[in-house]
Amino acid sequence: MVIVGVISIIVPLATAVAVNGLIGIVLLLAGIFQIVHAVRRPETA
């Protein structure tokens, strides 16, 4: 963790892009889960 922390400080833009990509993937997974949930449990229109 210390090594990764030092690298993050040395190349902060690459770290920011990686964090951005992680958030993007999480949002995609959340969207897919939301679709599955809506289809399986359509309580009302």
PDB file of all heavy atoms in Angstrom:
ATOM      1  N   MET A   1       0.822  -1.204   0.000  1.00  0.00           N
ATOM      2  CA  MET A   1       0.000   0.000   0.000  1.00  0.00           C
ATOM      3  C   MET A   1       0.859   1.259   0.000  1.00  0.00           C
ATOM      4  O   MET A   1       0.517   2.256  -0.652  1.00  0.00           O
ATOM      5  CB  MET A   1      -0.939  -0.013   1.209  1.00  0.00           C
ATOM      6  CG  MET A   1      -1.976  -1.118   1.164  1.00  0.00           C
ATOM      7  SD  MET A   1      -3.179  -1.050   2.509  1.00  0.00           S
ATOM      8  CE  MET A   1      -4.142   0.367   2.008  1.00  0.00           C
ATOM      9  N   VAL A   2       1.975   1.223   0.712  1.00  0.00           N
ATOM     10  CA  VAL A   2       2.885   2.369   0.707  1.00  0.00           C
ATOM     11  C   VAL A   2       3.453   2.589  -0.688  1.00  0.00           C
ATOM     12  O   VAL A   2       3.537   3.729  -1.174  1.00  0.00           O
ATOM     13  CB  VAL A   2       4.017   2.164   1.736  1.00  0.00           C
ATOM     14  CG1 VAL A   2       5.127   3.200   1.533  1.00  0.00           C
ATOM     15  CG2 VAL A   2       3.464   2.255   3.155  1.00  0.00           C
ATOM     16  N   ILE A   3       3.855   1.494  -1.353  1.00  0.00           N
ATOM     17  CA  ILE A   3       4.414   1.606  -2.706  1.00  0.00           C
ATOM     18  C   ILE A   3       3.377   2.178  -3.671  1.00  0.00           C
ATOM     19  O   ILE A   3       3.672   3.100  -4.446  1.00  0.00           O
ATOM     20  CB  ILE A   3       4.906   0.232  -3.196  1.00  0.00           C
ATOM     21  CG1 ILE A   3       6.104  -0.222  -2.355  1.00  0.00           C
ATOM     22  CG2 ILE A   3       5.283   0.292  -4.673  1.00  0.00           C
ATOM     23  CD1 ILE A   3       6.579  -1.629  -2.679  1.00  0.00           C
ATOM     24  N   VAL A   4       2.155   1.641  -3.610  1.00  0.00           N
ATOM     25  CA  VAL A   4       1.092   2.140  -4.489  1.00  0.00           C
ATOM     26  C   VAL A   4       0.772   3.598  -4.164  1.00  0.00           C
ATOM     27  O   VAL A   4       0.507   4.408  -5.064  1.00  0.00           O
ATOM     28  CB  VAL A   4      -0.179   1.272  -4.358  1.00  0.00           C
ATOM     29  CG1 VAL A   4      -1.323   1.863  -5.172  1.00  0.00           C
ATOM     30  CG2 VAL A   4       0.109  -0.148  -4.816  1.00  0.00           C
ATOM     31  N   GLY A   5       0.820   3.953  -2.879  1.00  0.00           N
ATOM     32  CA  GLY A   5       0.576   5.339  -2.480  1.00  0.00           C
ATOM     33  C   GLY A   5       1.617   6.286  -3.049  1.00  0.00           C
ATOM     34  O   GLY A   5       1.286   7.371  -3.535  1.00  0.00           O
ATOM     35  N   VAL A   6       2.885   5.872  -2.996  1.00  0.00           N
ATOM     36  CA  VAL A   6       3.967   6.699  -3.555  1.00  0.00           C
ATOM     37  C   VAL A   6       3.785   6.858  -5.064  1.00  0.00           C
ATOM     38  O   VAL A   6       3.932   7.960  -5.611  1.00  0.00           O
ATOM     39  CB  VAL A   6       5.335   6.073  -3.236  1.00  0.00           C
ATOM     40  CG1 VAL A   6       6.444   6.801  -3.992  1.00  0.00           C
ATOM     41  CG2 VAL A   6       5.602   6.112  -1.738  1.00  0.00           C
ATOM     42  N   ILE A   7       3.452   5.753  -5.737  1.00  0.00           N
ATOM     43  CA  ILE A   7       3.223   5.818  -7.186  1.00  0.00           C
ATOM     44  C   ILE A   7       2.053   6.745  -7.504  1.00  0.00           C
ATOM     45  O   ILE A   7       2.103   7.523  -8.474  1.00  0.00           O
ATOM     46  CB  ILE A   7       2.956   4.405  -7.747  1.00  0.00           C
ATOM     47  CG1 ILE A   7       4.216   3.537  -7.610  1.00  0.00           C
ATOM     48  CG2 ILE A   7       2.529   4.473  -9.211  1.00  0.00           C
ATOM     49  CD1 ILE A   7       4.011   2.094  -8.023  1.00  0.00           C
ATOM     50  N   SER A   8       1.003   6.678  -6.688  1.00  0.00           N
ATOM     51  CA  SER A   8      -0.160   7.544  -6.904  1.00  0.00           C
ATOM     52  C   SER A   8       0.199   9.013  -6.792  1.00  0.00           C
ATOM     53  O   SER A   8      -0.325   9.854  -7.530  1.00  0.00           O
ATOM     54  CB  SER A   8      -1.264   7.207  -5.889  1.00  0.00           C
ATOM     55  OG  SER A   8      -1.697   5.876  -6.047  1.00  0.00           O
ATOM     56  N   ILE A   9       1.101   9.329  -5.869  1.00  0.00           N
ATOM     57  CA  ILE A   9       1.521  10.716  -5.694  1.00  0.00           C
ATOM     58  C   ILE A   9       2.436  11.156  -6.835  1.00  0.00           C
ATOM     59  O   ILE A   9       2.363  12.296  -7.313  1.00  0.00           O
ATOM     60  CB  ILE A   9       2.222  10.891  -4.332  1.00  0.00           C
ATOM     61  CG1 ILE A   9       1.206  10.662  -3.200  1.00  0.00           C
ATOM     62  CG2 ILE A   9       2.848  12.272  -4.206  1.00  0.00           C
ATOM     63  CD1 ILE A   9       1.816  10.670  -1.818  1.00  0.00           C
ATOM     64  N   ILE A  10       3.291  10.240  -7.311  1.00  0.00           N
ATOM     65  CA  ILE A  10       4.225  10.578  -8.388  1.00  0.00           C
ATOM     66  C   ILE A  10       3.484  10.754  -9.719  1.00  0.00           C
ATOM     67  O   ILE A  10       3.783  11.667 -10.500  1.00  0.00           O
ATOM     68  CB  ILE A  10       5.311   9.489  -8.516  1.00  0.00           C
ATOM     69  CG1 ILE A  10       6.172   9.468  -7.246  1.00  0.00           C
ATOM     70  CG2 ILE A  10       6.192   9.746  -9.736  1.00  0.00           C
ATOM     71  CD1 ILE A  10       7.196   8.353  -7.234  1.00  0.00           C
ATOM     72  N   VAL A  11       2.549   9.862  -9.999  1.00  0.00           N
ATOM     73  CA  VAL A  11       1.762   9.941 -11.252  1.00  0.00           C
ATOM     74  C   VAL A  11       0.277  10.083 -10.900  1.00  0.00           C
ATOM     75  O   VAL A  11      -0.515   9.152 -11.118  1.00  0.00           O
ATOM     76  CB  VAL A  11       2.010   8.712 -12.147  1.00  0.00           C
ATOM     77  CG1 VAL A  11       3.350   8.806 -12.812  1.00  0.00           C
ATOM     78  CG2 VAL A  11       1.919   7.402 -11.353  1.00  0.00           C
ATOM     79  N   PRO A  12      -0.134  11.234 -10.379  1.00  0.00           N
ATOM     80  CA  PRO A  12      -1.509  11.395  -9.902  1.00  0.00           C
ATOM     81  C   PRO A  12      -2.559  11.304 -11.006  1.00  0.00           C
ATOM     82  O   PRO A  12      -3.670  10.846 -10.759  1.00  0.00           O
ATOM     83  CB  PRO A  12      -1.502  12.784  -9.258  1.00  0.00           C
ATOM     84  CG  PRO A  12      -0.381  13.506  -9.933  1.00  0.00           C
ATOM     85  CD  PRO A  12       0.653  12.459 -10.207  1.00  0.00           C
ATOM     86  N   LEU A  13      -2.216  11.746 -12.218  1.00  0.00           N
ATOM     87  CA  LEU A  13      -3.211  11.713 -13.289  1.00  0.00           C
ATOM     88  C   LEU A  13      -3.583  10.279 -13.647  1.00  0.00           C
ATOM     89  O   LEU A  13      -4.766   9.971 -13.855  1.00  0.00           O
ATOM     90  CB  LEU A  13      -2.679  12.440 -14.532  1.00  0.00           C
ATOM     91  CG  LEU A  13      -3.651  12.499 -15.721  1.00  0.00           C
ATOM     92  CD1 LEU A  13      -4.950  13.169 -15.316  1.00  0.00           C
ATOM     93  CD2 LEU A  13      -3.008  13.228 -16.898  1.00  0.00           C
ATOM     94  N   ALA A  14      -2.577   9.389 -13.701  1.00  0.00           N
ATOM     95  CA  ALA A  14      -2.858   7.982 -14.001  1.00  0.00           C
ATOM     96  C   ALA A  14      -3.746   7.371 -12.919  1.00  0.00           C
ATOM     97  O   ALA A  14      -4.660   6.590 -13.211  1.00  0.00           O
ATOM     98  CB  ALA A  14      -1.548   7.201 -14.112  1.00  0.00           C
ATOM     99  N   THR A  15      -3.493   7.746 -11.668  1.00  0.00           N
ATOM    100  CA  THR A  15      -4.322   7.257 -10.569  1.00  0.00           C
ATOM    101  C   THR A  15      -5.755   7.766 -10.699  1.00  0.00           C
ATOM    102  O   THR A  15      -6.714   7.016 -10.503  1.00  0.00           O
ATOM    103  CB  THR A  15      -3.732   7.710  -9.225  1.00  0.00           C
ATOM    104  OG1 THR A  15      -2.386   7.238  -9.115  1.00  0.00           O
ATOM    105  CG2 THR A  15      -4.556   7.180  -8.060  1.00  0.00           C
ATOM    106  N   ALA A  16      -5.895   9.047 -11.046  1.00  0.00           N
ATOM    107  CA  ALA A  16      -7.222   9.628 -11.207  1.00  0.00           C
ATOM    108  C   ALA A  16      -7.997   8.934 -12.327  1.00  0.00           C
ATOM    109  O   ALA A  16      -9.193   8.660 -12.185  1.00  0.00           O
ATOM    110  CB  ALA A  16      -7.107  11.126 -11.492  1.00  0.00           C
ATOM    111  N   VAL A  17      -7.313   8.641 -13.437  1.00  0.00           N
ATOM    112  CA  VAL A  17      -7.964   7.948 -14.550  1.00  0.00           C
ATOM    113  C   VAL A  17      -8.399   6.543 -14.118  1.00  0.00           C
ATOM    114  O   VAL A  17      -9.480   6.075 -14.481  1.00  0.00           O
ATOM    115  CB  VAL A  17      -7.026   7.887 -15.769  1.00  0.00           C
ATOM    116  CG1 VAL A  17      -7.613   6.990 -16.856  1.00  0.00           C
ATOM    117  CG2 VAL A  17      -6.786   9.281 -16.329  1.00  0.00           C
ATOM    118  N   ALA A  18      -7.542   5.875 -13.330  1.00  0.00           N
ATOM    119  CA  ALA A  18      -7.884   4.531 -12.839  1.00  0.00           C
ATOM    120  C   ALA A  18      -9.103   4.580 -11.921  1.00  0.00           C
ATOM    121  O   ALA A  18     -10.008   3.739 -12.019  1.00  0.00           O
ATOM    122  CB  ALA A  18      -6.691   3.924 -12.113  1.00  0.00           C
ATOM    123  N   VAL A  19      -9.144   5.559 -11.023  1.00  0.00           N
ATOM    124  CA  VAL A  19     -10.298   5.723 -10.127  1.00  0.00           C
ATOM    125  C   VAL A  19     -11.550   6.023 -10.944  1.00  0.00           C
ATOM    126  O   VAL A  19     -12.629   5.490 -10.681  1.00  0.00           O
ATOM    127  CB  VAL A  19     -10.031   6.850  -9.109  1.00  0.00           C
ATOM    128  CG1 VAL A  19     -11.301   7.164  -8.318  1.00  0.00           C
ATOM    129  CG2 VAL A  19      -8.907   6.456  -8.158  1.00  0.00           C
ATOM    130  N   ASN A  20     -11.399   6.883 -11.952  1.00  0.00           N
ATOM    131  CA  ASN A  20     -12.524   7.208 -12.822  1.00  0.00           C
ATOM    132  C   ASN A  20     -13.055   5.957 -13.526  1.00  0.00           C
ATOM    133  O   ASN A  20     -14.270   5.747 -13.631  1.00  0.00           O
ATOM    134  CB  ASN A  20     -12.084   8.249 -13.850  1.00  0.00           C
ATOM    135  CG  ASN A  20     -13.156   8.563 -14.869  1.00  0.00           C
ATOM    136  OD1 ASN A  20     -14.038   9.366 -14.639  1.00  0.00           O
ATOM    137  ND2 ASN A  20     -13.082   7.919 -16.035  1.00  0.00           N
ATOM    138  N   GLY A  21     -12.134   5.109 -14.018  1.00  0.00           N
ATOM    139  CA  GLY A  21     -12.547   3.873 -14.670  1.00  0.00           C
ATOM    140  C   GLY A  21     -13.262   2.934 -13.729  1.00  0.00           C
ATOM    141  O   GLY A  21     -14.255   2.285 -14.104  1.00  0.00           O
ATOM    142  N   LEU A  22     -12.778   2.853 -12.491  1.00  0.00           N
ATOM    143  CA  LEU A  22     -13.418   1.998 -11.491  1.00  0.00           C
ATOM    144  C   LEU A  22     -14.842   2.467 -11.206  1.00  0.00           C
ATOM    145  O   LEU A  22     -15.775   1.661 -11.125  1.00  0.00           O
ATOM    146  CB  LEU A  22     -12.589   1.992 -10.200  1.00  0.00           C
ATOM    147  CG  LEU A  22     -13.121   1.131  -9.053  1.00  0.00           C
ATOM    148  CD1 LEU A  22     -13.193  -0.329  -9.465  1.00  0.00           C
ATOM    149  CD2 LEU A  22     -12.241   1.300  -7.809  1.00  0.00           C
ATOM    150  N   ILE A  23     -15.010   3.786 -11.056  1.00  0.00           N
ATOM    151  CA  ILE A  23     -16.345   4.336 -10.816  1.00  0.00           C
ATOM    152  C   ILE A  23     -17.257   4.058 -12.012  1.00  0.00           C
ATOM    153  O   ILE A  23     -18.435   3.727 -11.850  1.00  0.00           O
ATOM    154  CB  ILE A  23     -16.261   5.854 -10.545  1.00  0.00           C
ATOM    155  CG1 ILE A  23     -15.496   6.112  -9.246  1.00  0.00           C
ATOM    156  CG2 ILE A  23     -17.663   6.465 -10.461  1.00  0.00           C
ATOM    157  CD1 ILE A  23     -15.248   7.576  -8.957  1.00  0.00           C
ATOM    158  N   GLY A  24     -16.710   4.181 -13.224  1.00  0.00           N
ATOM    159  CA  GLY A  24     -17.497   3.898 -14.418  1.00  0.00           C
ATOM    160  C   GLY A  24     -17.987   2.459 -14.459  1.00  0.00           C
ATOM    161  O   GLY A  24     -19.148   2.194 -14.780  1.00  0.00           O
ATOM    162  N   ILE A  25     -17.104   1.525 -14.107  1.00  0.00           N
ATOM    163  CA  ILE A  25     -17.486   0.106 -14.079  1.00  0.00           C
ATOM    164  C   ILE A  25     -18.553  -0.150 -13.021  1.00  0.00           C
ATOM    165  O   ILE A  25     -19.530  -0.887 -13.254  1.00  0.00           O
ATOM    166  CB  ILE A  25     -16.248  -0.771 -13.821  1.00  0.00           C
ATOM    167  CG1 ILE A  25     -15.281  -0.688 -15.011  1.00  0.00           C
ATOM    168  CG2 ILE A  25     -16.647  -2.225 -13.570  1.00  0.00           C
ATOM    169  CD1 ILE A  25     -13.962  -1.376 -14.778  1.00  0.00           C
ATOM    170  N   VAL A  26     -18.398   0.470 -11.850  1.00  0.00           N
ATOM    171  CA  VAL A  26     -19.390   0.308 -10.783  1.00  0.00           C
ATOM    172  C   VAL A  26     -20.753   0.829 -11.231  1.00  0.00           C
ATOM    173  O   VAL A  26     -21.794   0.210 -10.975  1.00  0.00           O
ATOM    174  CB  VAL A  26     -18.921   1.039  -9.503  1.00  0.00           C
ATOM    175  CG1 VAL A  26     -20.051   1.083  -8.472  1.00  0.00           C
ATOM    176  CG2 VAL A  26     -17.700   0.343  -8.913  1.00  0.00           C
ATOM    177  N   LEU A  27     -20.769   1.966 -11.933  1.00  0.00           N
ATOM    178  CA  LEU A  27     -22.027   2.519 -12.417  1.00  0.00           C
ATOM    179  C   LEU A  27     -22.675   1.601 -13.456  1.00  0.00           C
ATOM    180  O   LEU A  27     -23.903   1.432 -13.461  1.00  0.00           O
ATOM    181  CB  LEU A  27     -21.787   3.908 -13.018  1.00  0.00           C
ATOM    182  CG  LEU A  27     -21.492   5.029 -12.012  1.00  0.00           C
ATOM    183  CD1 LEU A  27     -21.134   6.317 -12.741  1.00  0.00           C
ATOM    184  CD2 LEU A  27     -22.685   5.259 -11.096  1.00  0.00           C
ATOM    185  N   LEU A  28     -21.861   1.012 -14.333  1.00  0.00           N
ATOM    186  CA  LEU A  28     -22.405   0.072 -15.312  1.00  0.00           C
ATOM    187  C   LEU A  28     -23.030  -1.140 -14.625  1.00  0.00           C
ATOM    188  O   LEU A  28     -24.135  -1.578 -14.979  1.00  0.00           O
ATOM    189  CB  LEU A  28     -21.304  -0.382 -16.275  1.00  0.00           C
ATOM    190  CG  LEU A  28     -20.838   0.631 -17.328  1.00  0.00           C
ATOM    191  CD1 LEU A  28     -19.721   0.032 -18.165  1.00  0.00           C
ATOM    192  CD2 LEU A  28     -22.004   1.038 -18.223  1.00  0.00           C
ATOM    193  N   LEU A  29     -22.330  -1.684 -13.647  1.00  0.00           N
ATOM    194  CA  LEU A  29     -22.865  -2.831 -12.910  1.00  0.00           C
ATOM    195  C   LEU A  29     -24.143  -2.456 -12.163  1.00  0.00           C
ATOM    196  O   LEU A  29     -25.093  -3.249 -12.104  1.00  0.00           O
ATOM    197  CB  LEU A  29     -21.813  -3.354 -11.927  1.00  0.00           C
ATOM    198  CG  LEU A  29     -20.556  -3.972 -12.560  1.00  0.00           C
ATOM    199  CD1 LEU A  29     -19.560  -4.352 -11.478  1.00  0.00           C
ATOM    200  CD2 LEU A  29     -20.923  -5.193 -13.397  1.00  0.00           C
ATOM    201  N   ALA A  30     -24.169  -1.241 -11.605  1.00  0.00           N
ATOM    202  CA  ALA A  30     -25.373  -0.787 -10.905  1.00  0.00           C
ATOM    203  C   ALA A  30     -26.544  -0.658 -11.873  1.00  0.00           C
ATOM    204  O   ALA A  30     -27.687  -0.994 -11.536  1.00  0.00           O
ATOM    205  CB  ALA A  30     -25.109   0.556 -10.220  1.00  0.00           C
ATOM    206  N   GLY A  31     -26.270  -0.169 -13.082  1.00  0.00           N
ATOM    207  CA  GLY A  31     -27.320  -0.057 -14.089  1.00  0.00           C
ATOM    208  C   GLY A  31     -27.874  -1.408 -14.501  1.00  0.00           C
ATOM    209  O   GLY A  31     -29.093  -1.590 -14.617  1.00  0.00           O
ATOM    210  N   ILE A  32     -26.976  -2.379 -14.713  1.00  0.00           N
ATOM    211  CA  ILE A  32     -27.411  -3.735 -15.074  1.00  0.00           C
ATOM    212  C   ILE A  32     -28.243  -4.347 -13.951  1.00  0.00           C
ATOM    213  O   ILE A  32     -29.299  -4.958 -14.189  1.00  0.00           O
ATOM    214  CB  ILE A  32     -26.192  -4.613 -15.390  1.00  0.00           C
ATOM    215  CG1 ILE A  32     -25.478  -4.088 -16.643  1.00  0.00           C
ATOM    216  CG2 ILE A  32     -26.608  -6.068 -15.590  1.00  0.00           C
ATOM    217  CD1 ILE A  32     -24.156  -4.777 -16.932  1.00  0.00           C
ATOM    218  N   PHE A  33     -27.780  -4.177 -12.715  1.00  0.00           N
ATOM    219  CA  PHE A  33     -28.525  -4.706 -11.564  1.00  0.00           C
ATOM    220  C   PHE A  33     -29.901  -4.059 -11.467  1.00  0.00           C
ATOM    221  O   PHE A  33     -30.896  -4.728 -11.159  1.00  0.00           O
ATOM    222  CB  PHE A  33     -27.736  -4.459 -10.277  1.00  0.00           C
ATOM    223  CG  PHE A  33     -28.479  -4.840  -9.030  1.00  0.00           C
ATOM    224  CD1 PHE A  33     -28.540  -6.154  -8.615  1.00  0.00           C
ATOM    225  CD2 PHE A  33     -29.134  -3.875  -8.270  1.00  0.00           C
ATOM    226  CE1 PHE A  33     -29.233  -6.508  -7.463  1.00  0.00           C
ATOM    227  CE2 PHE A  33     -29.832  -4.210  -7.129  1.00  0.00           C
ATOM    228  CZ  PHE A  33     -29.875  -5.540  -6.727  1.00  0.00           C
ATOM    229  N   GLN A  34     -29.968  -2.757 -11.739  1.00  0.00           N
ATOM    230  CA  GLN A  34     -31.241  -2.046 -11.664  1.00  0.00           C
ATOM    231  C   GLN A  34     -32.221  -2.552 -12.714  1.00  0.00           C
ATOM    232  O   GLN A  34     -33.431  -2.699 -12.446  1.00  0.00           O
ATOM    233  CB  GLN A  34     -31.015  -0.542 -11.848  1.00  0.00           C
ATOM    234  CG  GLN A  34     -32.252   0.308 -11.672  1.00  0.00           C
ATOM    235  CD  GLN A  34     -32.785   0.257 -10.258  1.00  0.00           C
ATOM    236  OE1 GLN A  34     -32.019   0.199  -9.304  1.00  0.00           O
ATOM    237  NE2 GLN A  34     -34.095   0.281 -10.108  1.00  0.00           N
ATOM    238  N   ILE A  35     -31.717  -2.856 -13.910  1.00  0.00           N
ATOM    239  CA  ILE A  35     -32.581  -3.396 -14.963  1.00  0.00           C
ATOM    240  C   ILE A  35     -33.125  -4.763 -14.560  1.00  0.00           C
ATOM    241  O   ILE A  35     -34.321  -5.040 -14.701  1.00  0.00           O
ATOM    242  CB  ILE A  35     -31.808  -3.496 -16.293  1.00  0.00           C
ATOM    243  CG1 ILE A  35     -31.503  -2.101 -16.832  1.00  0.00           C
ATOM    244  CG2 ILE A  35     -32.611  -4.284 -17.324  1.00  0.00           C
ATOM    245  CD1 ILE A  35     -30.648  -2.110 -18.082  1.00  0.00           C
ATOM    246  N   VAL A  36     -32.245  -5.624 -14.064  1.00  0.00           N
ATOM    247  CA  VAL A  36     -32.666  -6.961 -13.627  1.00  0.00           C
ATOM    248  C   VAL A  36     -33.707  -6.862 -12.524  1.00  0.00           C
ATOM    249  O   VAL A  36     -34.717  -7.575 -12.524  1.00  0.00           O
ATOM    250  CB  VAL A  36     -31.440  -7.779 -13.162  1.00  0.00           C
ATOM    251  CG1 VAL A  36     -31.889  -9.105 -12.555  1.00  0.00           C
ATOM    252  CG2 VAL A  36     -30.482  -8.016 -14.320  1.00  0.00           C
ATOM    253  N   HIS A  37     -33.461  -5.955 -11.569  1.00  0.00           N
ATOM    254  CA  HIS A  37     -34.401  -5.781 -10.458  1.00  0.00           C
ATOM    255  C   HIS A  37     -35.753  -5.279 -10.952  1.00  0.00           C
ATOM    256  O   HIS A  37     -36.806  -5.740 -10.493  1.00  0.00           O
ATOM    257  CB  HIS A  37     -33.821  -4.797  -9.445  1.00  0.00           C
ATOM    258  CG  HIS A  37     -34.724  -4.532  -8.281  1.00  0.00           C
ATOM    259  ND1 HIS A  37     -34.938  -5.444  -7.274  1.00  0.00           N
ATOM    260  CD2 HIS A  37     -35.490  -3.442  -7.973  1.00  0.00           C
ATOM    261  CE1 HIS A  37     -35.781  -4.949  -6.389  1.00  0.00           C
ATOM    262  NE2 HIS A  37     -36.138  -3.740  -6.796  1.00  0.00           N
ATOM    263  N   ALA A  38     -35.737  -4.339 -11.900  1.00  0.00           N
ATOM    264  CA  ALA A  38     -36.988  -3.786 -12.420  1.00  0.00           C
ATOM    265  C   ALA A  38     -37.784  -4.827 -13.196  1.00  0.00           C
ATOM    266  O   ALA A  38     -39.011  -4.866 -13.126  1.00  0.00           O
ATOM    267  CB  ALA A  38     -36.692  -2.574 -13.300  1.00  0.00           C
ATOM    268  N   VAL A  39     -37.085  -5.694 -13.936  1.00  0.00           N
ATOM    269  CA  VAL A  39     -37.763  -6.712 -14.735  1.00  0.00           C
ATOM    270  C   VAL A  39     -38.320  -7.822 -13.850  1.00  0.00           C
ATOM    271  O   VAL A  39     -39.436  -8.315 -14.068  1.00  0.00           O
ATOM    272  CB  VAL A  39     -36.805  -7.289 -15.792  1.00  0.00           C
ATOM    273  CG1 VAL A  39     -37.430  -8.493 -16.489  1.00  0.00           C
ATOM    274  CG2 VAL A  39     -36.426  -6.220 -16.809  1.00  0.00           C
ATOM    275  N   ARG A  40     -37.546  -8.211 -12.835  1.00  0.00           N
ATOM    276  CA  ARG A  40     -37.978  -9.317 -11.976  1.00  0.00           C
ATOM    277  C   ARG A  40     -39.081  -8.911 -11.011  1.00  0.00           C
ATOM    278  O   ARG A  40     -39.903  -9.744 -10.624  1.00  0.00           O
ATOM    279  CB  ARG A  40     -36.778  -9.867 -11.191  1.00  0.00           C
ATOM    280  CG  ARG A  40     -35.818 -10.681 -12.037  1.00  0.00           C
ATOM    281  CD  ARG A  40     -34.764 -11.325 -11.151  1.00  0.00           C
ATOM    282  NE  ARG A  40     -33.912 -12.231 -11.910  1.00  0.00           N
ATOM    283  CZ  ARG A  40     -32.928 -12.949 -11.380  1.00  0.00           C
ATOM    284  NH1 ARG A  40     -32.680 -12.874 -10.075  1.00  0.00           N
ATOM    285  NH2 ARG A  40     -32.200 -13.746 -12.132  1.00  0.00           N
ATOM    286  N   ARG A  41     -39.102  -7.650 -10.600  1.00  0.00           N
ATOM    287  CA  ARG A  41     -40.098  -7.212  -9.621  1.00  0.00           C
ATOM    288  C   ARG A  41     -40.817  -5.955 -10.111  1.00  0.00           C
ATOM    289  O   ARG A  41     -40.698  -4.878  -9.508  1.00  0.00           O
ATOM    290  CB  ARG A  41     -39.427  -6.954  -8.273  1.00  0.00           C
ATOM    291  CG  ARG A  41     -38.711  -8.168  -7.697  1.00  0.00           C
ATOM    292  CD  ARG A  41     -38.189  -7.882  -6.309  1.00  0.00           C
ATOM    293  NE  ARG A  41     -39.255  -7.552  -5.393  1.00  0.00           N
ATOM    294  CZ  ARG A  41     -39.062  -7.221  -4.114  1.00  0.00           C
ATOM    295  NH1 ARG A  41     -37.838  -7.174  -3.622  1.00  0.00           N
ATOM    296  NH2 ARG A  41     -40.081  -6.929  -3.337  1.00  0.00           N
ATOM    297  N   PRO A  42     -41.564  -6.072 -11.185  1.00  0.00           N
ATOM    298  CA  PRO A  42     -42.320  -4.910 -11.686  1.00  0.00           C
ATOM    299  C   PRO A  42     -43.588  -4.689 -10.866  1.00  0.00           C
ATOM    300  O   PRO A  42     -44.692  -5.091 -11.268  1.00  0.00           O
ATOM    301  CB  PRO A  42     -42.627  -5.321 -13.127  1.00  0.00           C
ATOM    302  CG  PRO A  42     -42.708  -6.808 -13.080  1.00  0.00           C
ATOM    303  CD  PRO A  42     -41.743  -7.265 -12.020  1.00  0.00           C
ATOM    304  N   GLU A  43     -43.453  -4.068  -9.702  1.00  0.00           N
ATOM    305  CA  GLU A  43     -44.587  -3.919  -8.785  1.00  0.00           C
ATOM    306  C   GLU A  43     -45.719  -3.119  -9.436  1.00  0.00           C
ATOM    307  O   GLU A  43     -46.877  -3.511  -9.397  1.00  0.00           O
ATOM    308  CB  GLU A  43     -44.110  -3.252  -7.493  1.00  0.00           C
ATOM    309  CG  GLU A  43     -43.040  -4.077  -6.772  1.00  0.00           C
ATOM    310  CD  GLU A  43     -42.499  -3.350  -5.553  1.00  0.00           C
ATOM    311  OE1 GLU A  43     -42.908  -2.200  -5.317  1.00  0.00           O
ATOM    312  OE2 GLU A  43     -41.668  -3.935  -4.842  1.00  0.00           O
ATOM    313  N   THR A  44     -45.383  -1.991 -10.014  1.00  0.00           N
ATOM    314  CA  THR A  44     -46.362  -1.189 -10.743  1.00  0.00           C
ATOM    315  C   THR A  44     -45.700  -0.678 -12.014  1.00  0.00           C
ATOM    316  O   THR A  44     -44.472  -0.691 -12.141  1.00  0.00           O
ATOM    317  CB  THR A  44     -46.853   0.006  -9.904  1.00  0.00           C
ATOM    318  OG1 THR A  44     -45.738   0.866  -9.621  1.00  0.00           O
ATOM    319  CG2 THR A  44     -47.482  -0.456  -8.598  1.00  0.00           C
ATOM    320  N   ALA A  45     -46.533  -0.217 -12.956  1.00  0.00           N
ATOM    321  CA  ALA A  45     -45.986   0.306 -14.208  1.00  0.00           C
ATOM    322  C   ALA A  45     -45.110   1.526 -13.951  1.00  0.00           C
ATOM    323  O   ALA A  45     -44.057   1.700 -14.586  1.00  0.00           O
ATOM    324  CB  ALA A  45     -47.133   0.660 -15.157  1.00  0.00           C
TER     325      ALA A  45
END
